[in-house]
Amino acid sequence: MKEFIIIGAGQSGLAMAYNLSSNNKDYLILDANEYIGAPWLKRWDSLTLFTPTEYNHLPGMKFPFPKGYYPNKYEVADYLKSYVDKFSIPIEFKQKVTSIKKVNGIFDITTASTSYKAKQVIIATGPFHTPYTPPCHADIAKDVVQLHSENYKSPSQLQQGDCLVVGAGDSGVQILSEIADTGRTVHFSGTNKIKAIPQAFLGKTLWWWFTKIGFLSVNRFSKIGKWLSSGVQPVIGTDVKSLLAKDNVIHMGRTLSADESSIKFQKGSVSSIRNIIWATGFKPNFFWIDGISFDEMNYPSNYRGVSNDIEGLYFIGLPWLYTRGSATLGGVYKDAQYLMNYISENVKAA
């Protein structure tokens, strides 16, 4: 029996752990991975953060690089490991939670190998759970290499021949740019009307401007917050116009269908594609939590991370949990502090 169990040892779980430790709470983190930072290290090799060092601090420990530096995935993973070591955060790895159910006021938490009990539970698994690939992927010839962006590492994974990158978000655009730089012919499927903004403007980082104009503190319940959170998020740091203008990048529009011989797009069919990167995002999966309801995006119903359905159940690290910064490395601390304050006030009231 624990007073608290946190599910997930990513940035949001660690920020919550820091607050629990600071308040002398009895807690444990359960994580599905084999070691800290694993989700970062599984991503493509050239990945770097969009946010410079000064906007990547977790509570109690600064990110150890100079101001204005954009860390890579290895440096983020090392930072998270150092954070766990510094604060002696208790984590049990290789414990993927398969069900949570509250029975007689106590949470029963089940993994493949173990059962746990806790008075309160904090879900910090983030938003990226089930990789989504359009149904037509099953109709494509078996000798075509197909990778979801979750499993893409570098162009060295690709076989000879043309490539297709599907998806106009940050991941799709970055991967498209990396593969195009090898000189290979790359077909791009997605809108060409991509909103793109630079990482720096007039000598200041984008995040400096965001902070100055209050963009990062606008909450999702305000009029402007509702507008921002419902829109398509812009691509950051890639010159999309120049990328799509390259001779070896061919924009095909939306993917329509496929068969053994070709793939059909809005702008025609192509039979030369030998590799496909599906940068088509993820679907959230919280259906292993018993007794909760969901919003229109299949995220758990909550207010600022406090479950609307079950007392003692909390969520952290979701996109726009409260502000644009809620799911970022340097912004999650605000939500963690809010939840800690809420929990403390409830204990006093009880």
Foldseek 3Di string as FASTA:
>chain_A
DAQEEEEALALLSLLLLVLCVVVVGTYEYEYQADDFLVLLVLAAAAAWDLDFQVQQDRPPDGQPDDGPHIGHSVSSRVVSRVSCVVSVHHYDYNFDWQAWDADPQWIWTHGPPDIDIHNFYEYEHAFFDAQDDDPQVVQEAPQFAEAESSRHHACVVHDDFEEEQEDDAQSSQVRLQRVVVVVHQYEYEADLPAAEDEQDDPHGGPVVVCVVVVQQVAWCPDPVNVVVVPDDDGHYHDPSVVSCPDPRYHYFYHWDHDHHQWTAGPRGIDRTHRYYYYHPGHQGDPPSYPFFDADPSRDTDDQLQQHPTDHNYGYFQYQSSIGNCRNHSNRVSVSSVVVSVVVVVVVVVD
